[in-house]
Every structure is written in C-alpha cells, then in structure tokens.
PDB file of N, CA and C in Angstrom:
ATOM      1  N   MET A   1       2.540  -5.739 -19.139  1.00  0.00           N
ATOM      2  CA  MET A   1       3.057  -5.650 -17.744  1.00  0.00           C
ATOM      3  C   MET A   1       2.826  -4.112 -17.080  1.00  0.00           C
ATOM      4  N   ASN A   2       1.991  -4.354 -16.543  1.00  0.00           N
ATOM      5  CA  ASN A   2       2.142  -2.730 -15.879  1.00  0.00           C
ATOM      6  C   ASN A   2       3.404  -2.323 -15.032  1.00  0.00           C
ATOM      7  N   ASN A   3       3.247  -0.697 -15.098  1.00  0.00           N
ATOM      8  CA  ASN A   3       4.764  -0.395 -14.627  1.00  0.00           C
ATOM      9  C   ASN A   3       4.336   0.139 -12.913  1.00  0.00           C
ATOM     10  N   ILE A   4       5.496   0.438 -12.679  1.00  0.00           N
ATOM     11  CA  ILE A   4       5.039   0.488 -10.592  1.00  0.00           C
ATOM     12  C   ILE A   4       4.433   1.248 -10.213  1.00  0.00           C
ATOM     13  N   ASN A   5       4.226   2.919 -11.091  1.00  0.00           N
ATOM     14  CA  ASN A   5       3.249   3.520 -11.049  1.00  0.00           C
ATOM     15  C   ASN A   5       1.842   2.921 -10.848  1.00  0.00           C
ATOM     16  N   ASP A   6       1.138   2.517 -12.161  1.00  0.00           N
ATOM     17  CA  ASP A   6       0.402   2.001 -12.836  1.00  0.00           C
ATOM     18  C   ASP A   6      -0.009   0.983 -11.131  1.00  0.00           C
ATOM     19  N   GLU A   7       0.484   0.020 -10.867  1.00  0.00           N
ATOM     20  CA  GLU A   7       0.628  -0.852  -9.792  1.00  0.00           C
ATOM     21  C   GLU A   7       0.314  -0.064  -8.638  1.00  0.00           C
ATOM     22  N   PHE A   8       1.001   1.331  -7.936  1.00  0.00           N
ATOM     23  CA  PHE A   8       0.850   2.052  -6.766  1.00  0.00           C
ATOM     24  C   PHE A   8      -0.527   2.473  -7.229  1.00  0.00           C
ATOM     25  N   HIS A   9      -1.121   3.202  -8.153  1.00  0.00           N
ATOM     26  CA  HIS A   9      -2.025   3.889  -8.108  1.00  0.00           C
ATOM     27  C   HIS A   9      -3.488   3.041  -8.593  1.00  0.00           C
ATOM     28  N   SER A  10      -3.391   1.989  -8.751  1.00  0.00           N
ATOM     29  CA  SER A  10      -4.103   0.793  -8.569  1.00  0.00           C
ATOM     30  C   SER A  10      -4.349   0.692  -6.983  1.00  0.00           C
ATOM     31  N   PHE A  11      -3.722   0.432  -6.143  1.00  0.00           N
ATOM     32  CA  PHE A  11      -3.129  -0.214  -4.809  1.00  0.00           C
ATOM     33  C   PHE A  11      -3.594   1.249  -4.036  1.00  0.00           C
ATOM     34  N   LYS A  12      -3.273   2.445  -4.478  1.00  0.00           N
ATOM     35  CA  LYS A  12      -3.855   3.461  -3.888  1.00  0.00           C
ATOM     36  C   LYS A  12      -5.549   3.924  -3.739  1.00  0.00           C
ATOM     37  N   GLU A  13      -5.888   3.535  -5.039  1.00  0.00           N
ATOM     38  CA  GLU A  13      -7.619   3.577  -5.397  1.00  0.00           C
ATOM     39  C   GLU A  13      -8.448   2.625  -4.788  1.00  0.00           C
ATOM     40  N   GLU A  14      -7.770   0.946  -4.325  1.00  0.00           N
ATOM     41  CA  GLU A  14      -8.345   0.789  -3.373  1.00  0.00           C
ATOM     42  C   GLU A  14      -8.304   0.666  -1.976  1.00  0.00           C
ATOM     43  N   LEU A  15      -7.524   1.129  -1.928  1.00  0.00           N
ATOM     44  CA  LEU A  15      -7.128   1.646  -0.452  1.00  0.00           C
ATOM     45  C   LEU A  15      -8.032   2.886  -0.169  1.00  0.00           C
ATOM     46  N   LYS A  16      -8.290   4.381  -0.741  1.00  0.00           N
ATOM     47  CA  LYS A  16      -9.341   5.057  -0.790  1.00  0.00           C
ATOM     48  C   LYS A  16     -10.496   4.590  -0.763  1.00  0.00           C
ATOM     49  N   LYS A  17     -11.179   3.167  -1.575  1.00  0.00           N
ATOM     50  CA  LYS A  17     -12.414   3.009  -1.193  1.00  0.00           C
ATOM     51  C   LYS A  17     -12.625   2.656   0.717  1.00  0.00           C
ATOM     52  N   LEU A  18     -11.638   2.228   1.354  1.00  0.00           N
ATOM     53  CA  LEU A  18     -11.704   1.792   2.355  1.00  0.00           C
ATOM     54  C   LEU A  18     -11.638   2.916   3.030  1.00  0.00           C
ATOM     55  N   ASN A  19     -11.510   3.921   2.899  1.00  0.00           N
ATOM     56  CA  ASN A  19     -11.126   5.179   3.411  1.00  0.00           C
ATOM     57  C   ASN A  19      -9.957   5.338   3.985  1.00  0.00           C
ATOM     58  N   ILE A  20      -8.801   4.866   3.638  1.00  0.00           N
ATOM     59  CA  ILE A  20      -7.585   5.189   3.738  1.00  0.00           C
ATOM     60  C   ILE A  20      -6.633   5.693   2.577  1.00  0.00           C
ATOM     61  N   GLU A  21      -6.051   6.870   3.481  1.00  0.00           N
ATOM     62  CA  GLU A  21      -5.475   7.721   2.527  1.00  0.00           C
ATOM     63  C   GLU A  21      -3.603   7.292   2.343  1.00  0.00           C
ATOM     64  N   VAL A  22      -3.328   6.981   1.753  1.00  0.00           N
ATOM     65  CA  VAL A  22      -1.920   6.947   0.924  1.00  0.00           C
ATOM     66  C   VAL A  22      -0.662   8.216   0.893  1.00  0.00           C
ATOM     67  N   GLN A  23      -0.351   7.952   1.693  1.00  0.00           N
ATOM     68  CA  GLN A  23       0.463   9.451   2.199  1.00  0.00           C
ATOM     69  C   GLN A  23       1.491   9.846   0.645  1.00  0.00           C
ATOM     70  N   LYS A  24       1.867   8.372   1.022  1.00  0.00           N
ATOM     71  CA  LYS A  24       3.646   8.160   0.154  1.00  0.00           C
ATOM     72  C   LYS A  24       4.000   6.930  -0.136  1.00  0.00           C
ATOM     73  N   VAL A  25       4.477   6.753  -1.092  1.00  0.00           N
ATOM     74  CA  VAL A  25       5.383   5.406  -1.439  1.00  0.00           C
ATOM     75  C   VAL A  25       6.722   5.961  -1.339  1.00  0.00           C
ATOM     76  N   VAL A  26       7.171   4.584  -0.701  1.00  0.00           N
ATOM     77  CA  VAL A  26       8.819   4.781  -0.610  1.00  0.00           C
ATOM     78  C   VAL A  26       9.833   3.829  -0.989  1.00  0.00           C
ATOM     79  N   LYS A  27      10.678   3.735  -2.456  1.00  0.00           N
ATOM     80  CA  LYS A  27      11.054   2.593  -2.053  1.00  0.00           C
ATOM     81  C   LYS A  27      12.596   2.056  -1.261  1.00  0.00           C
ATOM     82  N   VAL A  28      12.071   1.053  -0.707  1.00  0.00           N
ATOM     83  CA  VAL A  28      13.315   0.313   0.108  1.00  0.00           C
ATOM     84  C   VAL A  28      13.991  -0.671  -0.020  1.00  0.00           C
ATOM     85  N   GLY A  29      15.385  -0.566  -0.002  1.00  0.00           N
ATOM     86  CA  GLY A  29      15.868  -2.525  -0.485  1.00  0.00           C
ATOM     87  C   GLY A  29      16.276  -2.406  -2.279  1.00  0.00           C
ATOM     88  N   ASN A  30      16.973  -2.993  -2.982  1.00  0.00           N
ATOM     89  CA  ASN A  30      17.297  -3.227  -4.304  1.00  0.00           C
ATOM     90  C   ASN A  30      17.485  -4.622  -4.213  1.00  0.00           C
ATOM     91  N   GLY A  31      17.747  -4.931  -6.118  1.00  0.00           N
ATOM     92  CA  GLY A  31      17.780  -5.978  -6.363  1.00  0.00           C
ATOM     93  C   GLY A  31      16.714  -6.588  -6.149  1.00  0.00           C
ATOM     94  N   SER A  32      16.924  -8.509  -5.723  1.00  0.00           N
ATOM     95  CA  SER A  32      16.188  -8.791  -5.368  1.00  0.00           C
ATOM     96  C   SER A  32      15.020  -8.565  -3.890  1.00  0.00           C
ATOM     97  N   MET A  33      15.491  -7.489  -3.627  1.00  0.00           N
ATOM     98  CA  MET A  33      14.938  -7.293  -2.084  1.00  0.00           C
ATOM     99  C   MET A  33      14.261  -5.928  -2.223  1.00  0.00           C
ATOM    100  N   ASP A  34      12.959  -6.311  -3.313  1.00  0.00           N
ATOM    101  CA  ASP A  34      12.584  -4.863  -3.868  1.00  0.00           C
ATOM    102  C   ASP A  34      11.501  -4.527  -3.292  1.00  0.00           C
ATOM    103  N   PHE A  35      11.365  -3.748  -1.803  1.00  0.00           N
ATOM    104  CA  PHE A  35      10.354  -3.457  -1.047  1.00  0.00           C
ATOM    105  C   PHE A  35       9.746  -1.685  -1.235  1.00  0.00           C
ATOM    106  N   HIS A  36       8.719  -2.032  -1.171  1.00  0.00           N
ATOM    107  CA  HIS A  36       8.777  -0.838  -0.909  1.00  0.00           C
ATOM    108  C   HIS A  36       7.740  -0.267   0.722  1.00  0.00           C
ATOM    109  N   GLU A  37       8.225   1.280   1.486  1.00  0.00           N
ATOM    110  CA  GLU A  37       7.290   1.123   2.270  1.00  0.00           C
ATOM    111  C   GLU A  37       5.754   2.093   2.035  1.00  0.00           C
ATOM    112  N   VAL A  38       5.189   1.931   2.462  1.00  0.00           N
ATOM    113  CA  VAL A  38       3.781   2.341   2.060  1.00  0.00           C
ATOM    114  C   VAL A  38       3.226   3.133   3.404  1.00  0.00           C
ATOM    115  N   PHE A  39       3.391   4.613   3.266  1.00  0.00           N
ATOM    116  CA  PHE A  39       2.726   5.183   5.077  1.00  0.00           C
ATOM    117  C   PHE A  39       1.526   5.523   4.492  1.00  0.00           C
ATOM    118  N   TYR A  40       0.585   5.517   5.221  1.00  0.00           N
ATOM    119  CA  TYR A  40      -0.816   5.854   5.292  1.00  0.00           C
ATOM    120  C   TYR A  40      -1.619   6.347   6.253  1.00  0.00           C
ATOM    121  N   LYS A  41      -2.576   6.812   6.434  1.00  0.00           N
ATOM    122  CA  LYS A  41      -3.558   7.601   7.458  1.00  0.00           C
ATOM    123  C   LYS A  41      -5.107   6.224   7.122  1.00  0.00           C
ATOM    124  N   SER A  42      -5.632   6.099   7.874  1.00  0.00           N
ATOM    125  CA  SER A  42      -6.861   5.572   8.321  1.00  0.00           C
ATOM    126  C   SER A  42      -7.602   5.970   9.229  1.00  0.00           C
ATOM    127  N   PRO A  43      -8.939   6.025   9.749  1.00  0.00           N
ATOM    128  CA  PRO A  43      -9.561   6.400  10.547  1.00  0.00           C
ATOM    129  C   PRO A  43      -9.701   6.033  11.662  1.00  0.00           C
ATOM    130  N   ARG A  44      -8.588   4.805  11.968  1.00  0.00           N
ATOM    131  CA  ARG A  44      -8.559   3.805  13.359  1.00  0.00           C
ATOM    132  C   ARG A  44      -7.780   4.768  13.591  1.00  0.00           C
ATOM    133  N   TYR A  45      -6.184   5.479  13.551  1.00  0.00           N
ATOM    134  CA  TYR A  45      -5.318   5.630  14.051  1.00  0.00           C
ATOM    135  C   TYR A  45      -5.052   7.457  13.906  1.00  0.00           C
ATOM    136  N   GLU A  46      -4.770   8.053  14.969  1.00  0.00           N
ATOM    137  CA  GLU A  46      -4.623   9.495  14.709  1.00  0.00           C
ATOM    138  C   GLU A  46      -2.923   9.600  13.897  1.00  0.00           C
ATOM    139  N   GLU A  47      -2.159   8.830  14.344  1.00  0.00           N
ATOM    140  CA  GLU A  47      -1.169   9.223  13.607  1.00  0.00           C
ATOM    141  C   GLU A  47      -0.753   8.427  12.245  1.00  0.00           C
ATOM    142  N   VAL A  48       0.159   8.471  11.271  1.00  0.00           N
ATOM    143  CA  VAL A  48       0.408   7.698  10.126  1.00  0.00           C
ATOM    144  C   VAL A  48       1.585   6.402  10.227  1.00  0.00           C
ATOM    145  N   LYS A  49       0.986   5.393   9.870  1.00  0.00           N
ATOM    146  CA  LYS A  49       1.387   4.573  10.240  1.00  0.00           C
ATOM    147  C   LYS A  49       1.735   3.692   8.651  1.00  0.00           C
ATOM    148  N   SER A  50       2.432   2.812   8.278  1.00  0.00           N
ATOM    149  CA  SER A  50       3.275   2.268   7.303  1.00  0.00           C
ATOM    150  C   SER A  50       3.356   0.949   6.960  1.00  0.00           C
ATOM    151  N   VAL A  51       3.448   0.277   6.150  1.00  0.00           N
ATOM    152  CA  VAL A  51       3.224  -0.993   5.878  1.00  0.00           C
ATOM    153  C   VAL A  51       4.494  -1.056   4.462  1.00  0.00           C
ATOM    154  N   TYR A  52       5.021  -2.498   4.749  1.00  0.00           N
ATOM    155  CA  TYR A  52       6.313  -2.676   4.210  1.00  0.00           C
ATOM    156  C   TYR A  52       5.442  -4.072   2.536  1.00  0.00           C
ATOM    157  N   VAL A  53       5.621  -3.675   1.676  1.00  0.00           N
ATOM    158  CA  VAL A  53       5.154  -4.122   0.663  1.00  0.00           C
ATOM    159  C   VAL A  53       6.452  -4.758  -0.695  1.00  0.00           C
ATOM    160  N   GLN A  54       6.392  -6.326  -0.980  1.00  0.00           N
ATOM    161  CA  GLN A  54       6.380  -6.212  -2.372  1.00  0.00           C
ATOM    162  C   GLN A  54       5.900  -6.062  -3.730  1.00  0.00           C
ATOM    163  N   ARG A  55       6.107  -5.091  -4.777  1.00  0.00           N
ATOM    164  CA  ARG A  55       5.237  -5.203  -5.941  1.00  0.00           C
ATOM    165  C   ARG A  55       4.557  -6.392  -5.939  1.00  0.00           C
ATOM    166  N   HIS A  56       4.635  -7.739  -5.981  1.00  0.00           N
ATOM    167  CA  HIS A  56       3.933  -8.885  -6.856  1.00  0.00           C
ATOM    168  C   HIS A  56       2.736  -8.964  -5.025  1.00  0.00           C
ATOM    169  N   ASN A  57       3.245  -8.800  -4.257  1.00  0.00           N
ATOM    170  CA  ASN A  57       2.140  -9.191  -2.924  1.00  0.00           C
ATOM    171  C   ASN A  57       0.849  -7.771  -3.513  1.00  0.00           C
ATOM    172  N   LEU A  58       0.509  -7.001  -3.677  1.00  0.00           N
ATOM    173  CA  LEU A  58      -0.389  -5.860  -3.412  1.00  0.00           C
ATOM    174  C   LEU A  58      -1.559  -6.176  -3.575  1.00  0.00           C
ATOM    175  N   ASP A  59      -2.006  -7.229  -4.332  1.00  0.00           N
ATOM    176  CA  ASP A  59      -3.241  -7.705  -4.445  1.00  0.00           C
ATOM    177  C   ASP A  59      -3.027  -8.540  -2.836  1.00  0.00           C
ATOM    178  N   ASN A  60      -2.505  -9.130  -2.557  1.00  0.00           N
ATOM    179  CA  ASN A  60      -2.641  -9.787  -0.895  1.00  0.00           C
ATOM    180  C   ASN A  60      -2.850  -8.569   0.361  1.00  0.00           C
ATOM    181  N   ILE A  61      -1.881  -7.622   0.417  1.00  0.00           N
ATOM    182  CA  ILE A  61      -2.380  -6.794   0.883  1.00  0.00           C
ATOM    183  C   ILE A  61      -3.319  -5.675   0.602  1.00  0.00           C
ATOM    184  N   ILE A  62      -4.001  -5.940  -0.614  1.00  0.00           N
ATOM    185  CA  ILE A  62      -5.527  -5.224  -0.253  1.00  0.00           C
ATOM    186  C   ILE A  62      -6.426  -6.039  -0.073  1.00  0.00           C
ATOM    187  N   GLU A  63      -6.531  -7.378  -0.084  1.00  0.00           N
ATOM    188  CA  GLU A  63      -7.346  -8.360   0.488  1.00  0.00           C
ATOM    189  C   GLU A  63      -7.260  -8.154   2.202  1.00  0.00           C
ATOM    190  N   LYS A  64      -5.997  -8.089   2.533  1.00  0.00           N
ATOM    191  CA  LYS A  64      -5.675  -7.869   3.969  1.00  0.00           C
ATOM    192  C   LYS A  64      -6.327  -6.926   4.769  1.00  0.00           C
ATOM    193  N   PHE A  65      -6.162  -5.724   3.779  1.00  0.00           N
ATOM    194  CA  PHE A  65      -6.767  -4.419   4.537  1.00  0.00           C
ATOM    195  C   PHE A  65      -8.224  -4.812   4.119  1.00  0.00           C
ATOM    196  N   LYS A  66      -8.704  -4.860   3.270  1.00  0.00           N
ATOM    197  CA  LYS A  66     -10.560  -5.483   2.821  1.00  0.00           C
ATOM    198  C   LYS A  66     -10.902  -5.980   4.299  1.00  0.00           C
ATOM    199  N   GLN A  67     -10.285  -7.077   4.558  1.00  0.00           N
ATOM    200  CA  GLN A  67     -10.855  -7.787   5.949  1.00  0.00           C
ATOM    201  C   GLN A  67     -10.577  -6.943   7.402  1.00  0.00           C
ATOM    202  N   ALA A  68      -9.742  -6.240   7.350  1.00  0.00           N
ATOM    203  CA  ALA A  68      -9.698  -4.994   8.506  1.00  0.00           C
ATOM    204  C   ALA A  68     -10.298  -4.505   8.550  1.00  0.00           C
ATOM    205  N   TYR A  69     -11.008  -3.541   7.357  1.00  0.00           N
ATOM    206  CA  TYR A  69     -11.549  -2.424   7.257  1.00  0.00           C
ATOM    207  C   TYR A  69     -12.969  -2.808   6.844  1.00  0.00           C
ATOM    208  N   HIS A  70     -13.669  -3.980   6.764  1.00  0.00           N
ATOM    209  CA  HIS A  70     -14.984  -3.779   6.498  1.00  0.00           C
ATOM    210  C   HIS A  70     -16.046  -4.622   7.401  1.00  0.00           C
TER     211      HIS A  70
END
C-alpha cells in the first residue's frame, strides 16, 4: 500500500500535466474524517483555489479535473 506522500505525489504529477500547480496540501480532520485541503493554482483563475479531498477519492478528483480542464 502507498503511503500518503506517495499518493499525493502522484496526485500532484497528474495535475501538473493539466497545467495545475499544487501549492500545498494540509491535513484537516482526523480519524474517520481524514480530509486534506489541496491548494492549487490553475490557468483559469488569478487566485489560489482549494478543494477538500479524502485519500481514497484522489483518483476520482483527478478524473474531475481532467474533465474540467481538457
């Protein structure tokens, strides 16, 4: 099983392919509510945006970004 750093590294690399720069990932919540807030900069917006993700949903979030940015 991948650790959290490996999973988010892959997540960042996939978003980089879409010209989206992940600026930081911050853990929010704990236990069964293990969320991370991902701050990113995309070509569509001037300001930094953020999205909340759970580790087990990273692939789904990547697919949503691909649909939105392709």
